[in-house]
N, C-alpha and C. Protein backbone atom coordinates (compact mmCIF):
# COMPACT_ATOMS: atom_id res chain seq x y z
N MET A 1 0.82 -1.30 -0.02
CA MET A 1 -0.12 0.01 -0.09
C MET A 1 0.88 1.14 -0.06
N THR A 2 0.64 2.19 -0.89
CA THR A 2 1.39 3.46 -1.02
C THR A 2 0.77 4.38 -0.27
N ARG A 3 1.62 5.05 0.42
CA ARG A 3 0.83 6.36 1.32
C ARG A 3 1.29 7.55 0.83
N ASN A 4 0.40 8.55 0.76
CA ASN A 4 0.70 9.97 0.33
C ASN A 4 0.93 10.81 1.55
N ILE A 5 2.11 10.87 1.98
CA ILE A 5 2.57 11.44 3.09
C ILE A 5 2.73 12.93 2.91
N LYS A 6 1.77 13.76 3.63
CA LYS A 6 1.94 15.28 3.35
C LYS A 6 2.44 15.94 4.58
N LEU A 7 3.78 16.18 4.60
CA LEU A 7 4.33 16.80 5.70
C LEU A 7 4.58 18.12 5.25
N GLU A 8 4.77 19.14 6.27
CA GLU A 8 5.16 20.63 5.81
C GLU A 8 6.50 20.75 5.50
N ASP A 9 7.49 20.10 6.28
CA ASP A 9 8.85 20.33 6.11
C ASP A 9 9.23 19.93 4.56
N PHE A 10 10.42 20.49 4.42
CA PHE A 10 11.05 20.17 2.96
C PHE A 10 12.00 19.01 3.07
N HIS A 11 12.40 18.64 4.22
CA HIS A 11 13.20 17.71 4.50
C HIS A 11 12.61 16.53 5.50
N THR A 12 12.61 15.29 4.98
CA THR A 12 12.04 14.28 5.93
C THR A 12 13.01 12.97 5.88
N CYS A 13 13.19 12.56 7.11
CA CYS A 13 13.98 11.24 7.31
C CYS A 13 13.23 10.07 7.79
N PHE A 14 13.27 8.95 7.10
CA PHE A 14 12.58 7.77 7.60
C PHE A 14 13.66 6.55 8.01
N HIS A 15 13.21 5.78 8.83
CA HIS A 15 14.12 4.62 9.44
C HIS A 15 13.24 3.49 9.11
N LEU A 16 14.06 2.21 9.12
CA LEU A 16 13.40 0.94 8.89
C LEU A 16 13.14 0.35 10.39
N ARG A 17 11.85 0.08 10.51
CA ARG A 17 11.41 -0.46 11.86
C ARG A 17 10.54 -1.69 11.74
N GLU A 18 10.58 -2.69 12.66
CA GLU A 18 9.74 -3.69 12.53
C GLU A 18 8.24 -3.17 12.36
N ASP A 19 7.44 -4.07 11.67
CA ASP A 19 6.01 -3.56 11.54
C ASP A 19 5.16 -3.61 12.65
N ASP A 20 5.12 -4.54 13.35
CA ASP A 20 4.26 -4.83 14.48
C ASP A 20 4.94 -4.12 15.79
N ARG A 21 6.08 -3.88 16.00
CA ARG A 21 6.62 -3.38 17.13
C ARG A 21 7.73 -2.27 16.71
N HIS A 22 7.09 -1.32 16.52
CA HIS A 22 7.79 0.04 16.04
C HIS A 22 8.79 0.49 16.90
N GLU A 23 9.03 -0.03 18.11
CA GLU A 23 10.27 0.27 18.83
C GLU A 23 11.50 -0.33 18.59
N TYR A 24 11.25 -1.38 17.70
CA TYR A 24 12.53 -2.15 17.12
C TYR A 24 13.03 -1.55 15.97
N LEU A 25 14.07 -0.84 15.90
CA LEU A 25 14.82 -0.25 14.72
C LEU A 25 15.75 -1.28 14.23
N LEU A 26 15.60 -1.67 12.89
CA LEU A 26 16.42 -2.53 12.27
C LEU A 26 17.95 -2.14 12.27
N THR A 27 18.07 -0.98 11.96
CA THR A 27 19.61 -0.39 12.02
C THR A 27 19.54 1.03 12.26
N ASP A 28 20.46 1.55 12.80
CA ASP A 28 20.54 3.03 12.72
C ASP A 28 21.68 3.59 11.79
N VAL A 29 21.99 2.55 10.98
CA VAL A 29 23.00 3.17 9.95
C VAL A 29 22.22 3.49 8.63
N LEU A 30 21.05 3.06 8.35
CA LEU A 30 20.51 3.19 7.32
C LEU A 30 19.23 4.18 7.48
N GLU A 31 19.16 5.37 6.80
CA GLU A 31 18.16 6.37 6.86
C GLU A 31 17.79 6.68 5.29
N ILE A 32 16.59 6.88 5.24
CA ILE A 32 16.09 7.49 3.88
C ILE A 32 15.69 8.96 3.94
N HIS A 33 16.28 9.84 3.26
CA HIS A 33 16.02 11.30 3.27
C HIS A 33 15.20 11.65 1.88
N PHE A 34 14.31 12.32 2.04
CA PHE A 34 13.48 13.08 1.14
C PHE A 34 13.67 14.59 1.24
N ILE A 35 14.18 15.17 0.01
CA ILE A 35 14.09 16.49 0.14
C ILE A 35 13.10 17.15 -1.08
N ASN A 36 12.14 17.92 -0.50
CA ASN A 36 11.27 18.58 -1.42
C ASN A 36 11.68 20.03 -1.89
N MET A 37 12.33 20.00 -2.97
CA MET A 37 12.89 21.47 -3.53
C MET A 37 11.97 22.63 -3.54
N VAL A 38 10.83 22.13 -4.02
CA VAL A 38 9.53 23.19 -4.15
C VAL A 38 9.59 23.77 -2.77
N LYS A 39 9.37 23.05 -1.81
CA LYS A 39 9.14 23.65 -0.37
C LYS A 39 10.26 24.39 0.02
N PHE A 40 11.51 23.84 -0.29
CA PHE A 40 12.63 24.48 0.00
C PHE A 40 12.91 25.81 -0.57
N ARG A 41 12.56 25.96 -1.63
CA ARG A 41 12.64 27.09 -2.54
C ARG A 41 11.50 28.34 -1.92
N LYS A 42 10.61 27.70 -1.31
CA LYS A 42 9.34 28.81 -0.73
C LYS A 42 9.98 29.24 0.78
N LEU A 43 10.78 28.56 1.29
CA LEU A 43 11.31 28.76 2.65
C LEU A 43 11.72 30.36 2.74
N LYS A 44 11.11 31.06 3.51
CA LYS A 44 11.57 32.43 3.58
C LYS A 44 12.86 32.88 4.40
N ASN A 45 12.99 31.84 5.48
CA ASN A 45 14.20 32.21 6.21
C ASN A 45 15.21 31.19 6.14
N ARG A 46 15.98 31.10 5.28
CA ARG A 46 16.91 30.03 5.18
C ARG A 46 18.15 30.39 5.82
N ASP A 47 19.05 29.24 6.41
CA ASP A 47 20.04 29.84 7.25
C ASP A 47 21.34 29.05 6.82
N ILE A 48 21.94 29.48 5.74
CA ILE A 48 23.16 28.86 5.04
C ILE A 48 24.42 28.92 5.84
N ARG A 49 24.23 29.96 6.88
CA ARG A 49 25.44 30.03 7.81
C ARG A 49 25.53 29.00 8.89
N ASN A 50 24.28 28.46 9.44
CA ASN A 50 24.30 27.62 10.51
C ASN A 50 23.63 26.15 10.17
N LYS A 51 23.34 26.05 8.93
CA LYS A 51 22.58 24.84 8.63
C LYS A 51 23.18 24.20 7.48
N PRO A 52 24.16 23.09 7.56
CA PRO A 52 24.78 22.67 6.25
C PRO A 52 23.88 22.03 5.23
N LEU A 53 22.91 21.58 5.49
CA LEU A 53 21.85 20.99 4.54
C LEU A 53 21.30 22.04 3.72
N GLU A 54 20.95 23.33 4.35
CA GLU A 54 20.58 24.27 3.49
C GLU A 54 21.66 24.89 2.63
N ARG A 55 22.88 24.89 3.08
CA ARG A 55 24.03 25.22 2.16
C ARG A 55 24.01 24.48 1.08
N TRP A 56 24.01 23.01 1.21
CA TRP A 56 24.18 22.07 0.04
C TRP A 56 23.06 22.33 -0.80
N LEU A 57 21.69 22.40 -0.24
CA LEU A 57 20.55 22.52 -1.32
C LEU A 57 20.72 24.02 -2.12
N ARG A 58 21.29 25.04 -1.36
CA ARG A 58 21.38 26.07 -2.32
C ARG A 58 22.56 25.97 -3.22
N TYR A 59 23.50 25.23 -2.90
CA TYR A 59 24.60 24.86 -3.85
C TYR A 59 24.15 24.11 -5.12
N PHE A 60 23.28 23.15 -4.81
CA PHE A 60 22.70 22.30 -5.84
C PHE A 60 21.51 22.95 -6.66
N ASP A 61 20.97 23.93 -6.18
CA ASP A 61 19.88 24.72 -6.70
C ASP A 61 20.34 25.48 -7.91
N ILE A 62 19.68 25.30 -9.19
CA ILE A 62 20.38 25.83 -10.37
C ILE A 62 19.97 27.39 -10.23
N SER A 63 18.87 27.62 -9.53
CA SER A 63 18.53 29.13 -9.32
C SER A 63 19.22 30.07 -8.51
N THR A 64 20.25 29.57 -7.66
CA THR A 64 20.97 30.35 -6.74
C THR A 64 21.91 31.18 -7.60
N PRO A 65 21.98 32.58 -7.21
CA PRO A 65 22.59 33.53 -7.92
C PRO A 65 24.17 33.14 -7.74
N LYS A 66 24.98 33.62 -8.63
CA LYS A 66 26.47 33.35 -8.70
C LYS A 66 26.98 33.90 -7.61
N GLU A 67 26.76 34.97 -7.10
CA GLU A 67 27.47 35.51 -5.95
C GLU A 67 27.16 34.76 -4.73
N GLU A 68 25.97 34.33 -4.51
CA GLU A 68 25.65 33.53 -3.44
C GLU A 68 26.32 32.25 -3.30
N LEU A 69 26.35 31.53 -4.71
CA LEU A 69 27.09 30.38 -4.91
C LEU A 69 28.44 30.56 -4.45
N LYS A 70 29.27 31.70 -4.98
CA LYS A 70 30.62 31.91 -4.44
C LYS A 70 30.78 31.70 -3.02
N GLU A 71 29.72 32.46 -2.28
CA GLU A 71 29.94 32.75 -0.83
C GLU A 71 29.78 31.30 -0.18
N ILE A 72 28.82 30.39 -0.60
CA ILE A 72 28.61 29.16 -0.05
C ILE A 72 29.85 28.30 -0.27
N ILE A 73 30.47 28.36 -1.47
CA ILE A 73 31.58 27.51 -1.90
C ILE A 73 32.79 27.91 -0.75
N LYS A 74 33.07 29.31 -0.46
CA LYS A 74 33.94 29.78 0.35
C LYS A 74 33.90 29.43 1.79
N MET A 75 32.50 29.22 2.24
CA MET A 75 32.38 29.09 3.75
C MET A 75 32.26 27.54 4.16
N ASP A 76 32.09 26.69 3.10
CA ASP A 76 32.02 25.25 3.33
C ASP A 76 33.11 24.40 2.73
N SER A 77 34.05 23.81 3.56
CA SER A 77 35.17 23.13 2.96
C SER A 77 34.59 21.96 1.93
N ALA A 78 33.55 21.25 2.48
CA ALA A 78 33.08 20.08 1.64
C ALA A 78 32.57 20.53 0.33
N ILE A 79 31.76 21.61 0.33
CA ILE A 79 31.34 22.05 -0.84
C ILE A 79 32.51 22.65 -1.70
N ASN A 80 33.33 23.25 -1.14
CA ASN A 80 34.61 23.78 -1.97
C ASN A 80 35.29 22.61 -2.58
N LYS A 81 35.68 21.57 -1.83
CA LYS A 81 36.03 20.24 -2.37
C LYS A 81 35.22 19.65 -3.58
N ALA A 82 33.99 19.67 -3.46
CA ALA A 82 33.14 19.17 -4.32
C ALA A 82 33.20 20.12 -5.76
N GLN A 83 33.18 21.32 -5.47
CA GLN A 83 33.22 22.35 -6.66
C GLN A 83 34.61 22.27 -7.43
N GLU A 84 35.54 21.88 -6.48
CA GLU A 84 36.96 21.54 -7.21
C GLU A 84 36.91 20.42 -8.12
N ARG A 85 36.41 19.30 -7.61
CA ARG A 85 36.14 18.07 -8.55
C ARG A 85 35.18 18.46 -9.73
N LEU A 86 34.17 19.09 -9.44
CA LEU A 86 33.37 19.43 -10.60
C LEU A 86 34.31 20.12 -11.60
N ASP A 87 34.84 21.20 -11.15
CA ASP A 87 35.69 22.00 -12.20
C ASP A 87 36.76 21.09 -12.82
N PHE A 88 37.29 20.13 -12.28
CA PHE A 88 38.15 19.24 -12.90
C PHE A 88 37.61 18.42 -13.84
N VAL A 89 36.33 17.67 -13.65
CA VAL A 89 35.69 16.93 -14.47
C VAL A 89 35.14 17.53 -15.73
N THR A 90 34.73 18.71 -15.45
CA THR A 90 34.16 19.50 -16.58
C THR A 90 35.10 20.30 -17.47
N GLN A 91 36.38 19.94 -17.21
CA GLN A 91 37.32 20.53 -18.18
C GLN A 91 37.45 19.69 -19.41
N ASP A 92 37.04 18.51 -19.40
CA ASP A 92 37.07 17.73 -20.78
C ASP A 92 35.65 17.93 -21.45
N LYS A 93 35.91 18.46 -22.56
CA LYS A 93 34.48 18.94 -23.23
C LYS A 93 33.83 17.89 -23.64
N GLU A 94 34.35 16.75 -24.03
CA GLU A 94 33.57 15.56 -24.46
C GLU A 94 32.88 14.78 -23.48
N VAL A 95 33.40 14.77 -22.09
CA VAL A 95 32.86 14.32 -21.04
C VAL A 95 31.66 15.40 -20.65
N LEU A 96 31.72 16.52 -20.63
CA LEU A 96 30.85 17.32 -20.40
C LEU A 96 29.82 17.43 -21.35
N ARG A 97 29.93 17.31 -22.67
CA ARG A 97 28.97 16.95 -23.60
C ARG A 97 28.00 15.68 -23.56
N GLU A 98 28.75 14.55 -23.12
CA GLU A 98 27.91 13.42 -22.80
C GLU A 98 27.10 13.56 -21.65
N TYR A 99 27.58 14.31 -20.50
CA TYR A 99 26.91 14.59 -19.35
C TYR A 99 25.50 15.38 -19.80
N HIS A 100 25.68 16.36 -20.51
CA HIS A 100 24.55 17.30 -20.85
C HIS A 100 23.51 16.30 -21.84
N LEU A 101 24.09 15.44 -22.64
CA LEU A 101 23.16 14.73 -23.33
C LEU A 101 22.35 13.63 -22.50
N ARG A 102 23.14 13.26 -21.41
CA ARG A 102 22.42 12.20 -20.52
C ARG A 102 21.25 12.93 -19.58
N GLU A 103 21.84 14.09 -19.32
CA GLU A 103 20.73 14.98 -18.52
C GLU A 103 19.51 15.21 -19.17
N MET A 104 19.83 15.76 -20.71
CA MET A 104 18.57 16.12 -21.55
C MET A 104 17.82 14.75 -21.83
N ALA A 105 18.34 13.73 -22.02
CA ALA A 105 17.55 12.28 -22.06
C ALA A 105 16.85 12.24 -20.84
N GLN A 106 17.39 12.31 -19.68
CA GLN A 106 16.57 12.12 -18.45
C GLN A 106 15.44 13.10 -18.29
N MET A 107 15.50 14.45 -18.57
CA MET A 107 14.53 15.26 -18.53
C MET A 107 13.42 14.83 -19.47
N ASP A 108 13.80 14.47 -20.66
CA ASP A 108 12.73 14.15 -21.65
C ASP A 108 11.97 12.87 -21.13
N TRP A 109 12.65 11.84 -20.53
CA TRP A 109 12.11 10.76 -19.97
C TRP A 109 11.00 11.04 -18.90
N THR A 110 11.32 12.06 -17.90
CA THR A 110 10.72 12.44 -16.90
C THR A 110 9.54 13.21 -17.41
N THR A 111 9.68 14.00 -18.40
CA THR A 111 8.42 14.75 -18.94
C THR A 111 7.52 13.82 -19.50
N GLY A 112 7.92 12.68 -20.32
CA GLY A 112 7.15 11.76 -20.83
C GLY A 112 6.40 10.94 -19.93
N VAL A 113 7.07 10.54 -18.68
CA VAL A 113 6.45 9.77 -17.62
C VAL A 113 5.32 10.73 -16.93
N ASN A 114 5.64 12.05 -16.68
CA ASN A 114 4.73 12.77 -15.96
C ASN A 114 3.67 13.22 -16.99
N THR A 115 3.68 13.21 -18.23
CA THR A 115 2.60 13.53 -19.13
C THR A 115 1.64 12.36 -19.27
N ALA A 116 2.21 11.05 -19.35
CA ALA A 116 1.42 9.95 -19.14
C ALA A 116 0.60 9.70 -17.93
N ILE A 117 1.19 10.06 -16.86
CA ILE A 117 0.59 10.05 -15.53
C ILE A 117 -0.53 10.96 -15.56
N GLU A 118 -0.45 12.24 -16.03
CA GLU A 118 -1.42 13.07 -16.12
C GLU A 118 -2.54 12.87 -17.04
N LYS A 119 -2.19 12.32 -18.19
CA LYS A 119 -3.39 11.73 -18.99
C LYS A 119 -4.04 10.71 -18.35
N SER A 120 -3.36 9.81 -17.58
CA SER A 120 -4.10 8.66 -17.10
C SER A 120 -5.10 9.25 -15.94
N LYS A 121 -4.66 10.02 -15.26
CA LYS A 121 -5.51 10.84 -14.29
C LYS A 121 -6.81 11.44 -14.96
N ILE A 122 -6.35 12.00 -16.11
CA ILE A 122 -7.62 12.70 -16.68
C ILE A 122 -8.59 11.61 -17.34
N GLU A 123 -8.15 10.48 -17.73
CA GLU A 123 -8.77 9.32 -18.30
C GLU A 123 -9.77 8.74 -17.12
N ILE A 124 -9.03 8.62 -16.06
CA ILE A 124 -9.71 8.00 -14.91
C ILE A 124 -10.80 8.90 -14.34
N ALA A 125 -10.60 10.25 -14.32
CA ALA A 125 -11.52 11.09 -13.92
C ALA A 125 -12.73 11.12 -14.87
N LYS A 126 -12.60 11.23 -16.12
CA LYS A 126 -13.48 11.09 -17.09
C LYS A 126 -14.46 9.75 -17.05
N ASN A 127 -13.80 8.70 -16.71
CA ASN A 127 -14.49 7.30 -16.56
C ASN A 127 -15.20 7.47 -15.33
N SER A 128 -14.67 8.08 -14.17
CA SER A 128 -15.33 8.13 -12.87
C SER A 128 -16.39 9.07 -13.07
N LEU A 129 -16.50 10.20 -13.78
CA LEU A 129 -17.59 11.05 -13.98
C LEU A 129 -18.77 10.43 -14.59
N ASN A 130 -18.25 9.55 -15.59
CA ASN A 130 -19.42 8.81 -16.44
C ASN A 130 -20.07 7.80 -15.72
N LYS A 131 -19.34 7.17 -14.43
CA LYS A 131 -19.88 6.25 -13.68
C LYS A 131 -20.71 6.80 -12.51
N GLY A 132 -20.75 8.33 -12.49
CA GLY A 132 -21.47 9.10 -11.36
C GLY A 132 -20.64 9.24 -10.12
N LEU A 133 -19.47 9.15 -10.11
CA LEU A 133 -18.71 9.46 -8.93
C LEU A 133 -18.81 10.98 -8.67
N SER A 134 -18.68 11.41 -7.39
CA SER A 134 -18.59 12.74 -6.95
C SER A 134 -17.39 13.52 -7.45
N ILE A 135 -17.34 14.75 -7.69
CA ILE A 135 -16.12 15.32 -8.06
C ILE A 135 -15.14 15.41 -6.78
N GLU A 136 -15.63 15.33 -5.78
CA GLU A 136 -14.90 15.30 -4.52
C GLU A 136 -13.95 14.01 -4.25
N LEU A 137 -14.80 12.89 -4.54
CA LEU A 137 -14.11 11.67 -4.68
C LEU A 137 -13.16 11.39 -5.83
N ILE A 138 -13.47 12.03 -6.96
CA ILE A 138 -12.57 11.81 -8.07
C ILE A 138 -11.25 12.58 -7.66
N HIS A 139 -11.51 13.87 -7.14
CA HIS A 139 -10.26 14.62 -6.64
C HIS A 139 -9.33 13.87 -5.59
N ASP A 140 -10.21 13.24 -4.58
CA ASP A 140 -9.28 12.43 -3.69
C ASP A 140 -8.51 11.29 -4.31
N ILE A 141 -9.22 10.69 -5.32
CA ILE A 141 -8.46 9.49 -5.96
C ILE A 141 -7.40 9.84 -7.04
N THR A 142 -7.70 10.95 -7.82
CA THR A 142 -6.56 11.28 -8.81
C THR A 142 -5.77 12.41 -8.35
N GLY A 143 -6.10 13.26 -7.29
CA GLY A 143 -5.23 14.32 -7.14
C GLY A 143 -5.61 15.58 -7.96
N LEU A 144 -6.26 15.30 -9.03
CA LEU A 144 -6.58 16.46 -9.94
C LEU A 144 -7.43 17.44 -9.18
N ASP A 145 -7.14 18.84 -9.56
CA ASP A 145 -7.89 19.90 -8.81
C ASP A 145 -9.39 20.02 -9.32
N ILE A 146 -10.21 20.43 -8.51
CA ILE A 146 -11.63 20.33 -8.78
C ILE A 146 -12.12 21.02 -9.91
N GLU A 147 -11.39 22.29 -10.30
CA GLU A 147 -11.82 22.91 -11.54
C GLU A 147 -11.40 22.09 -12.67
N THR A 148 -10.15 21.59 -12.76
CA THR A 148 -9.98 20.54 -14.04
C THR A 148 -10.97 19.37 -13.93
N ILE A 149 -11.34 18.84 -12.90
CA ILE A 149 -12.49 17.77 -13.08
C ILE A 149 -13.75 18.22 -13.55
N ARG A 150 -14.11 19.54 -13.06
CA ARG A 150 -15.28 20.06 -13.47
C ARG A 150 -15.40 20.42 -14.99
N SER A 151 -14.21 20.64 -15.64
CA SER A 151 -14.04 21.13 -16.87
C SER A 151 -14.17 19.93 -17.96
N LEU A 152 -13.99 18.70 -17.19
CA LEU A 152 -14.27 17.48 -18.04
C LEU A 152 -15.47 17.31 -18.56
């Protein structure tokens, strides 16, 4: 069963526990972290000086201004080292070209999958409307907004 967990935080961390006895943690070595960049970008009070995770997220965020990026690289030795390695790797133009081609292919694939999912949701909504299901129930099932469902 898949759960749609709706937490307010941009960063969530999960651990592996025994299903019936949650007090039993399988291991403290394995954690699964989820980062929601949309929520992070909406964060009003970012603290890159005191929170390393927020520094890394700003470093990886393509929308970070160059001046702020330079400041982040200077203030964090691990990020500085990562940038040095990135600079070294990107010196080879052929490797950089291959990287960009892989990145474009990945974005195309993601767009295709997201489009297919959206079309499936609309098809499910249409069929559900034809079967007489309520707009609210269709919204709960598909996640489509009410106005989109009404327009079908």
